[in-house]
Amino acid sequence: MLEFISQNLATIVISAVVFAVIVLDIVYLVRKKKQGKNICGCSGCNGCSGCNGMCSKGSDK
C-alpha cells in the first residue's frame, strides 16, 4: 500500500487539488444562488436569452 502511494504521490496530490477547486466552486455557486444573485453572468434583465430562463432573479453586484 505504501509503495502504491509513493509511486503515485504526484497524481494523488494533483487530483486532491483539482477536487478541492471543484468543491469550492460548487460551494461558491450555491451561496450566490441562495443570496439571490445571478450565477450565469447575465445582468438579470427580463430578456436574458443567454441563460434560457435559468437565471435566478436579482442583481449581480
N, C-alpha and C. Protein backbone atom coordinates (compact mmCIF):
# COMPACT_ATOMS: atom_id res chain seq x y z
N MET A 1 0.82 -1.19 0.00
CA MET A 1 0.00 0.00 0.00
C MET A 1 0.87 1.25 0.00
N LEU A 2 1.87 1.29 0.85
CA LEU A 2 2.76 2.46 0.89
C LEU A 2 3.54 2.61 -0.41
N GLU A 3 3.84 1.50 -1.04
CA GLU A 3 4.57 1.55 -2.31
C GLU A 3 3.68 2.20 -3.39
N PHE A 4 2.41 1.83 -3.40
CA PHE A 4 1.47 2.41 -4.36
C PHE A 4 1.37 3.91 -4.15
N ILE A 5 1.25 4.34 -2.89
CA ILE A 5 1.13 5.76 -2.59
C ILE A 5 2.39 6.51 -2.99
N SER A 6 3.54 5.96 -2.70
CA SER A 6 4.79 6.65 -3.04
C SER A 6 4.99 6.74 -4.55
N GLN A 7 4.54 5.73 -5.30
CA GLN A 7 4.69 5.75 -6.75
C GLN A 7 3.70 6.71 -7.41
N ASN A 8 2.59 6.96 -6.76
CA ASN A 8 1.54 7.78 -7.35
C ASN A 8 1.26 9.05 -6.56
N LEU A 9 2.22 9.52 -5.79
CA LEU A 9 2.01 10.66 -4.93
C LEU A 9 1.65 11.92 -5.72
N ALA A 10 2.33 12.17 -6.81
CA ALA A 10 2.05 13.37 -7.61
C ALA A 10 0.62 13.35 -8.15
N THR A 11 0.18 12.21 -8.64
CA THR A 11 -1.17 12.08 -9.17
C THR A 11 -2.21 12.27 -8.07
N ILE A 12 -1.93 11.71 -6.90
CA ILE A 12 -2.85 11.83 -5.78
C ILE A 12 -2.97 13.29 -5.34
N VAL A 13 -1.86 13.99 -5.24
CA VAL A 13 -1.86 15.39 -4.80
C VAL A 13 -2.58 16.26 -5.82
N ILE A 14 -2.28 16.09 -7.09
CA ILE A 14 -2.91 16.89 -8.14
C ILE A 14 -4.41 16.62 -8.18
N SER A 15 -4.81 15.37 -8.05
CA SER A 15 -6.23 15.02 -8.03
C SER A 15 -6.94 15.65 -6.84
N ALA A 16 -6.30 15.66 -5.69
CA ALA A 16 -6.88 16.28 -4.49
C ALA A 16 -7.06 17.78 -4.68
N VAL A 17 -6.09 18.43 -5.30
CA VAL A 17 -6.19 19.88 -5.54
C VAL A 17 -7.32 20.18 -6.52
N VAL A 18 -7.42 19.43 -7.59
CA VAL A 18 -8.49 19.64 -8.57
C VAL A 18 -9.85 19.40 -7.93
N PHE A 19 -9.97 18.36 -7.13
CA PHE A 19 -11.22 18.06 -6.43
C PHE A 19 -11.59 19.20 -5.49
N ALA A 20 -10.61 19.75 -4.76
CA ALA A 20 -10.86 20.85 -3.84
C ALA A 20 -11.35 22.10 -4.59
N VAL A 21 -10.76 22.38 -5.73
CA VAL A 21 -11.17 23.54 -6.53
C VAL A 21 -12.61 23.36 -7.01
N ILE A 22 -12.97 22.18 -7.44
CA ILE A 22 -14.33 21.92 -7.90
C ILE A 22 -15.32 22.08 -6.76
N VAL A 23 -15.00 21.54 -5.59
CA VAL A 23 -15.88 21.65 -4.44
C VAL A 23 -16.05 23.12 -4.04
N LEU A 24 -14.96 23.88 -4.00
CA LEU A 24 -15.05 25.29 -3.65
C LEU A 24 -15.89 26.07 -4.66
N ASP A 25 -15.78 25.73 -5.93
CA ASP A 25 -16.58 26.39 -6.96
C ASP A 25 -18.07 26.10 -6.77
N ILE A 26 -18.40 24.86 -6.46
CA ILE A 26 -19.80 24.50 -6.23
C ILE A 26 -20.34 25.22 -5.00
N VAL A 27 -19.56 25.28 -3.93
CA VAL A 27 -19.98 25.99 -2.72
C VAL A 27 -20.21 27.46 -3.03
N TYR A 28 -19.33 28.06 -3.80
CA TYR A 28 -19.47 29.47 -4.18
C TYR A 28 -20.77 29.70 -4.96
N LEU A 29 -21.05 28.83 -5.93
CA LEU A 29 -22.25 28.99 -6.74
C LEU A 29 -23.52 28.80 -5.91
N VAL A 30 -23.51 27.85 -5.00
CA VAL A 30 -24.69 27.61 -4.15
C VAL A 30 -24.92 28.82 -3.25
N ARG A 31 -23.87 29.36 -2.66
CA ARG A 31 -24.02 30.54 -1.80
C ARG A 31 -24.55 31.73 -2.58
N LYS A 32 -24.04 31.93 -3.79
CA LYS A 32 -24.51 33.04 -4.61
C LYS A 32 -25.98 32.88 -4.97
N LYS A 33 -26.37 31.67 -5.29
CA LYS A 33 -27.77 31.42 -5.63
C LYS A 33 -28.68 31.65 -4.42
N LYS A 34 -28.25 31.24 -3.24
CA LYS A 34 -29.05 31.45 -2.03
C LYS A 34 -29.18 32.93 -1.70
N GLN A 35 -28.19 33.74 -2.09
CA GLN A 35 -28.25 35.19 -1.86
C GLN A 35 -29.14 35.87 -2.89
N GLY A 36 -29.60 35.14 -3.89
CA GLY A 36 -30.48 35.69 -4.90
C GLY A 36 -29.74 36.39 -6.02
N LYS A 37 -28.47 36.13 -6.16
CA LYS A 37 -27.69 36.76 -7.22
C LYS A 37 -27.65 35.84 -8.43
N ASN A 38 -27.40 36.45 -9.59
CA ASN A 38 -27.30 35.68 -10.83
C ASN A 38 -26.01 34.88 -10.82
N ILE A 39 -26.11 33.64 -11.24
CA ILE A 39 -24.92 32.80 -11.31
C ILE A 39 -24.50 32.53 -12.75
N CYS A 40 -25.27 33.05 -13.71
CA CYS A 40 -24.95 32.74 -15.11
C CYS A 40 -24.19 33.88 -15.79
N GLY A 41 -24.02 35.00 -15.14
CA GLY A 41 -23.26 36.09 -15.73
C GLY A 41 -24.09 37.14 -16.42
N CYS A 42 -25.40 36.94 -16.54
CA CYS A 42 -26.22 37.96 -17.19
C CYS A 42 -26.60 39.03 -16.18
N SER A 43 -27.13 40.11 -16.67
CA SER A 43 -27.42 41.25 -15.81
C SER A 43 -28.75 41.12 -15.08
N GLY A 44 -29.49 40.06 -15.29
CA GLY A 44 -30.75 39.86 -14.60
C GLY A 44 -31.94 40.51 -15.30
N CYS A 45 -31.75 40.89 -16.56
CA CYS A 45 -32.85 41.53 -17.28
C CYS A 45 -33.92 40.49 -17.63
N ASN A 46 -35.09 40.95 -18.00
CA ASN A 46 -36.19 40.04 -18.34
C ASN A 46 -35.91 39.28 -19.63
N GLY A 47 -35.16 39.86 -20.52
CA GLY A 47 -34.89 39.22 -21.81
C GLY A 47 -33.56 38.48 -21.83
N CYS A 48 -33.20 37.87 -20.76
CA CYS A 48 -31.91 37.18 -20.66
C CYS A 48 -31.96 35.87 -21.45
N SER A 49 -31.72 35.93 -22.73
CA SER A 49 -31.82 34.74 -23.57
C SER A 49 -30.59 33.85 -23.45
N GLY A 50 -29.48 34.39 -22.97
CA GLY A 50 -28.26 33.59 -22.86
C GLY A 50 -28.34 32.53 -21.79
N CYS A 51 -29.27 32.68 -20.86
CA CYS A 51 -29.39 31.72 -19.76
C CYS A 51 -30.58 30.79 -19.94
N ASN A 52 -31.33 30.98 -21.00
CA ASN A 52 -32.52 30.17 -21.27
C ASN A 52 -33.49 30.16 -20.10
N GLY A 53 -33.62 31.31 -19.44
CA GLY A 53 -34.55 31.41 -18.32
C GLY A 53 -34.06 30.77 -17.05
N MET A 54 -32.81 30.37 -16.98
CA MET A 54 -32.28 29.67 -15.82
C MET A 54 -31.71 30.62 -14.76
N CYS A 55 -31.63 31.91 -15.06
CA CYS A 55 -31.07 32.87 -14.11
C CYS A 55 -31.99 33.01 -12.90
N SER A 56 -31.39 33.14 -11.75
CA SER A 56 -32.19 33.48 -10.58
C SER A 56 -32.43 34.98 -10.62
N LYS A 57 -33.56 35.40 -10.13
CA LYS A 57 -33.88 36.83 -10.15
C LYS A 57 -33.06 37.55 -9.10
N GLY A 58 -32.63 38.76 -9.44
CA GLY A 58 -31.83 39.56 -8.53
C GLY A 58 -30.75 40.28 -9.29
N SER A 59 -30.04 41.12 -8.62
CA SER A 59 -28.98 41.86 -9.29
C SER A 59 -27.63 41.24 -9.00
N ASP A 60 -26.76 41.29 -9.96
CA ASP A 60 -25.42 40.74 -9.82
C ASP A 60 -24.49 41.86 -9.39
N LYS A 61 -24.26 41.99 -8.11
CA LYS A 61 -23.46 43.09 -7.58
C LYS A 61 -22.06 42.64 -7.31
